[in-house]
Amino acid sequence: MQGTAAVMRLEPIVGGGSASTPAPHATPAAAAAEGSEPSHASHASHASETQLVHASVAGDEDAFAELVRRHQARVFRLAGRFFRQRPDVEEVAQETFLRAWLKLGTYGGRAPFEHWLTRLCLRCAYDRLRRPGRSPESGAYPVPETATEGPPPDPTARLEVERLLARLQPADRFLLVLLEAEGWSVAEIAERLGWSRVNVKVRAHRARQRLRRVLEEG
C-alpha cells in the first residue's frame, strides 16, 4: 500500500537532523553524488506544508515522508505523555501517521495541518488506552513540570500523583493529562478532539470529581 513505507521508516527520535544533511555513514563521494543531481525527496524538503499535503493526496510518497519527518518529534512527544513503554509510544506514532495517510483526503486545510495531526494522535492514544485488558501500569501519567528556579521537585510526591492517576479510568486520565500536564485549554481540547466545549467541561468536571474521591480514599 502506498504511503505505508514512509510510516515504517518512522524514526523514534526527538528533533532529528536536517533532511539535507548526509547520513553519518555516508562517504564524501556518495554525499557529493547525491548533491550533484537534486532528488525528488530534496525538492520535497523545501516545499510548503500545503504543497506537501496536496502532493501526498496525489500519491507522492516522498512528500508524505517529508510530512512525517517534520512532525514525528511532536507526535512522539505527545504519545509519550500517555505511555511509559517505548513500544506503546512507537505504535501510537505509527498508527497516527498511517491514519494520516489514509485520511489525507479529508483534511480540508481550514486548520493548520499540525492541529489535524494532533487530533489523530490523541484519538490513537485514547483508543489504545481504552483497549480491553490493558493494565494501568502501561500508561504514563505525567504531572506538570515545575519551574527551574526553587527547590527540586519531590520525587516521592510525583510518584504519589502517578499512583493516584493510575486508579482513574483511562478517559479521566487522558483528559486530566491534557488539562494539567499539557496545559491545554478547554477550547484547545475541543478543537483538537472534535468535541464540543460543553462536552469537554462536563468530562473534566466529572474527572476531577473522581480524582477528588480517589484522594479522599487515599
Protein backbone atom coordinates (compact mmCIF):
# COMPACT_ATOMS: atom_id res chain seq x y z
CA MET A 1 0.00 0.00 0.00
CA GLN A 2 1.33 3.40 -0.93
CA GLY A 3 2.45 5.57 1.97
CA THR A 4 3.00 2.73 4.45
CA ALA A 5 6.71 2.71 3.60
CA ALA A 6 7.05 6.25 4.92
CA VAL A 7 5.32 5.23 8.13
CA MET A 8 7.50 2.16 8.62
CA ARG A 9 10.61 4.35 8.16
CA LEU A 10 9.43 6.43 11.10
CA GLU A 11 12.36 7.12 13.43
CA PRO A 12 11.55 7.20 17.16
CA ILE A 13 13.65 10.28 17.83
CA VAL A 14 13.01 13.75 19.14
CA GLY A 15 14.33 16.52 16.96
CA GLY A 16 16.29 14.79 14.26
CA GLY A 17 18.70 16.25 11.78
CA SER A 18 18.01 18.16 8.62
CA ALA A 19 16.94 16.15 5.61
CA SER A 20 19.67 17.80 3.59
CA THR A 21 22.43 16.62 5.97
CA PRO A 22 24.19 13.47 4.74
CA ALA A 23 23.79 10.44 6.97
CA PRO A 24 26.75 9.85 9.34
CA HIS A 25 27.81 6.69 7.49
CA ALA A 26 27.73 8.29 4.03
CA THR A 27 31.10 8.73 2.33
CA PRO A 28 32.12 12.17 0.95
CA ALA A 29 31.91 10.78 -2.56
CA ALA A 30 28.41 9.48 -2.01
CA ALA A 31 27.32 12.76 -0.46
CA ALA A 32 28.75 14.66 -3.41
CA ALA A 33 26.99 12.35 -5.83
CA GLU A 34 23.71 12.92 -4.07
CA GLY A 35 24.22 16.67 -4.18
CA SER A 36 25.14 16.75 -7.87
CA GLU A 37 21.65 15.83 -9.00
CA PRO A 38 18.79 17.02 -6.76
CA SER A 39 16.39 14.21 -5.97
CA HIS A 40 12.64 14.37 -5.71
CA ALA A 41 12.99 13.99 -1.95
CA SER A 42 15.26 17.04 -1.74
CA HIS A 43 12.63 19.07 -3.57
CA ALA A 44 10.05 17.88 -1.04
CA SER A 45 12.17 19.14 1.85
CA HIS A 46 11.84 22.71 0.53
CA ALA A 47 8.13 22.55 -0.27
CA SER A 48 5.46 24.27 1.81
CA GLU A 49 3.22 22.17 4.00
CA THR A 50 0.24 22.84 1.75
CA GLN A 51 2.20 21.65 -1.27
CA LEU A 52 3.27 18.51 0.59
CA VAL A 53 -0.30 17.69 1.59
CA HIS A 54 -1.59 18.14 -1.97
CA ALA A 55 1.25 16.01 -3.33
CA SER A 56 0.64 13.32 -0.72
CA VAL A 57 -3.05 13.17 -1.59
CA ALA A 58 -1.98 12.60 -5.19
CA GLY A 59 0.09 9.60 -4.07
CA ASP A 60 3.54 11.18 -3.71
CA GLU A 61 5.28 9.07 -1.04
CA ASP A 62 8.31 11.37 -0.85
CA ALA A 63 6.05 14.28 0.02
CA PHE A 64 4.36 12.25 2.74
CA ALA A 65 7.74 11.10 4.08
CA GLU A 66 8.68 14.76 4.43
CA LEU A 67 5.48 15.44 6.39
CA VAL A 68 6.39 12.55 8.66
CA ARG A 69 9.93 13.92 9.13
CA ARG A 70 8.64 17.38 10.03
CA HIS A 71 6.09 16.22 12.58
CA GLN A 72 7.43 12.99 14.05
CA ALA A 73 9.14 14.65 17.05
CA ARG A 74 5.91 16.28 18.21
CA VAL A 75 3.87 13.12 17.66
CA PHE A 76 6.35 11.02 19.67
CA ARG A 77 6.43 13.59 22.47
CA LEU A 78 2.64 13.75 22.67
CA ALA A 79 2.27 9.95 22.59
CA GLY A 80 4.89 9.74 25.32
CA ARG A 81 2.61 11.76 27.59
CA PHE A 82 0.25 8.81 27.79
CA PHE A 83 2.50 5.74 27.65
CA ARG A 84 5.53 4.67 29.63
CA GLN A 85 6.64 1.80 27.40
CA ARG A 86 8.54 2.67 24.22
CA PRO A 87 6.72 0.08 22.05
CA ASP A 88 3.42 1.70 23.01
CA VAL A 89 4.69 5.15 22.03
CA GLU A 90 6.03 3.84 18.74
CA GLU A 91 2.80 2.02 17.92
CA VAL A 92 0.70 5.12 18.61
CA ALA A 93 3.03 7.24 16.46
CA GLN A 94 2.92 4.76 13.58
CA GLU A 95 -0.84 4.43 13.81
CA THR A 96 -1.13 8.23 13.79
CA PHE A 97 0.80 8.62 10.56
CA LEU A 98 -0.89 5.61 8.96
CA ARG A 99 -4.29 7.15 9.67
CA ALA A 100 -2.98 10.47 8.38
CA TRP A 101 -2.00 8.84 5.07
CA LEU A 102 -5.37 7.11 4.73
CA LYS A 103 -7.37 10.21 5.72
CA LEU A 104 -5.38 12.94 3.98
CA GLY A 105 -8.21 13.39 1.52
CA THR A 106 -10.46 14.52 4.37
CA TYR A 107 -8.09 17.28 5.51
CA GLY A 108 -9.75 20.49 4.35
CA GLY A 109 -6.99 22.93 5.29
CA ARG A 110 -9.28 25.04 7.50
CA ALA A 111 -6.96 24.48 10.47
CA PRO A 112 -3.17 24.01 10.49
CA PHE A 113 -2.04 20.53 9.45
CA GLU A 114 -0.31 20.19 12.83
CA HIS A 115 -3.66 20.56 14.62
CA TRP A 116 -5.28 17.96 12.38
CA LEU A 117 -2.39 15.55 13.01
CA THR A 118 -2.53 16.22 16.75
CA ARG A 119 -6.21 15.25 16.73
CA LEU A 120 -5.35 11.95 15.04
CA CYS A 121 -2.58 11.27 17.55
CA LEU A 122 -4.86 11.95 20.51
CA ARG A 123 -7.53 9.65 19.12
CA CYS A 124 -4.97 6.88 18.59
CA ALA A 125 -3.71 7.31 22.15
CA TYR A 126 -7.26 7.38 23.51
CA ASP A 127 -8.21 4.22 21.60
CA ARG A 128 -5.12 2.41 22.88
CA LEU A 129 -5.74 3.49 26.49
CA ARG A 130 -9.27 2.13 26.32
CA ARG A 131 -8.20 -1.18 24.79
CA PRO A 132 -9.74 -4.07 26.81
CA GLY A 133 -7.37 -5.84 29.15
CA ARG A 134 -4.89 -3.00 29.34
CA SER A 135 -3.14 -2.73 32.72
CA PRO A 136 -3.00 0.66 34.49
CA GLU A 137 0.81 0.49 34.68
CA SER A 138 1.06 0.59 30.88
CA GLY A 139 0.29 4.29 30.71
CA ALA A 140 2.44 7.24 31.71
CA TYR A 141 0.68 9.84 33.79
CA PRO A 142 3.00 12.87 33.93
CA VAL A 143 2.44 15.69 36.38
CA PRO A 144 3.05 19.30 35.24
CA GLU A 145 6.69 20.26 35.06
CA THR A 146 7.81 22.72 37.69
CA ALA A 147 9.85 25.86 37.14
CA THR A 148 13.62 25.51 37.11
CA GLU A 149 14.02 28.01 39.97
CA GLY A 150 13.50 26.97 43.57
CA PRO A 151 13.95 23.57 45.23
CA PRO A 152 13.84 20.45 43.03
CA PRO A 153 10.52 18.59 42.91
CA ASP A 154 9.95 15.85 45.46
CA PRO A 155 10.17 12.52 43.59
CA THR A 156 8.03 10.87 46.26
CA ALA A 157 5.22 13.35 45.63
CA ARG A 158 5.49 12.80 41.89
CA LEU A 159 5.18 9.04 42.32
CA GLU A 160 2.14 9.56 44.55
CA VAL A 161 0.42 11.66 41.89
CA GLU A 162 1.11 9.00 39.27
CA ARG A 163 -0.24 6.31 41.64
CA LEU A 164 -3.45 8.24 42.16
CA LEU A 165 -3.92 8.93 38.46
CA ALA A 166 -3.39 5.25 37.73
CA ARG A 167 -6.52 4.48 39.76
CA LEU A 168 -8.70 6.54 37.42
CA GLN A 169 -10.42 5.28 34.29
CA PRO A 170 -8.45 5.80 31.04
CA ALA A 171 -10.84 8.50 29.79
CA ASP A 172 -10.39 10.50 33.00
CA ARG A 173 -6.61 10.16 32.97
CA PHE A 174 -6.50 11.14 29.32
CA LEU A 175 -8.37 14.38 29.87
CA LEU A 176 -6.55 15.34 33.07
CA VAL A 177 -3.17 14.85 31.39
CA LEU A 178 -4.22 17.22 28.59
CA LEU A 179 -5.53 19.82 31.05
CA GLU A 180 -2.91 19.62 33.79
CA ALA A 181 0.25 18.20 32.20
CA GLU A 182 -0.08 19.63 28.70
CA GLY A 183 -1.74 22.83 29.94
CA TRP A 184 -4.34 22.83 27.17
CA SER A 185 -7.44 24.96 27.50
CA VAL A 186 -10.98 23.63 27.12
CA ALA A 187 -11.17 25.34 23.73
CA GLU A 188 -7.94 23.69 22.52
CA ILE A 189 -9.06 20.23 23.61
CA ALA A 190 -12.46 20.72 21.97
CA GLU A 191 -10.89 21.84 18.70
CA ARG A 192 -8.27 19.09 18.50
CA LEU A 193 -10.52 16.24 19.57
CA GLY A 194 -13.60 17.36 17.71
CA TRP A 195 -15.65 17.55 20.92
CA SER A 196 -17.91 20.41 21.93
CA ARG A 197 -16.66 22.75 24.65
CA VAL A 198 -19.60 21.78 26.84
CA ASN A 199 -18.66 18.12 26.44
CA VAL A 200 -15.06 18.85 27.48
CA LYS A 201 -16.19 20.88 30.50
CA VAL A 202 -18.57 18.14 31.65
CA ARG A 203 -15.96 15.41 31.20
CA ALA A 204 -13.31 17.50 33.00
CA HIS A 205 -15.68 18.23 35.90
CA ARG A 206 -16.50 14.55 36.31
CA ALA A 207 -12.83 13.52 36.01
CA ARG A 208 -11.84 15.99 38.73
CA GLN A 209 -14.67 14.79 40.96
CA ARG A 210 -13.49 11.21 40.59
CA LEU A 211 -9.89 12.27 41.28
CA ARG A 212 -11.09 14.07 44.41
CA ARG A 213 -12.79 10.88 45.62
CA VAL A 214 -9.59 8.93 45.00
CA LEU A 215 -7.66 11.50 47.04
CA GLU A 216 -10.16 11.22 49.89
CA GLU A 217 -9.92 7.44 49.86
CA GLY A 218 -6.12 7.69 49.93
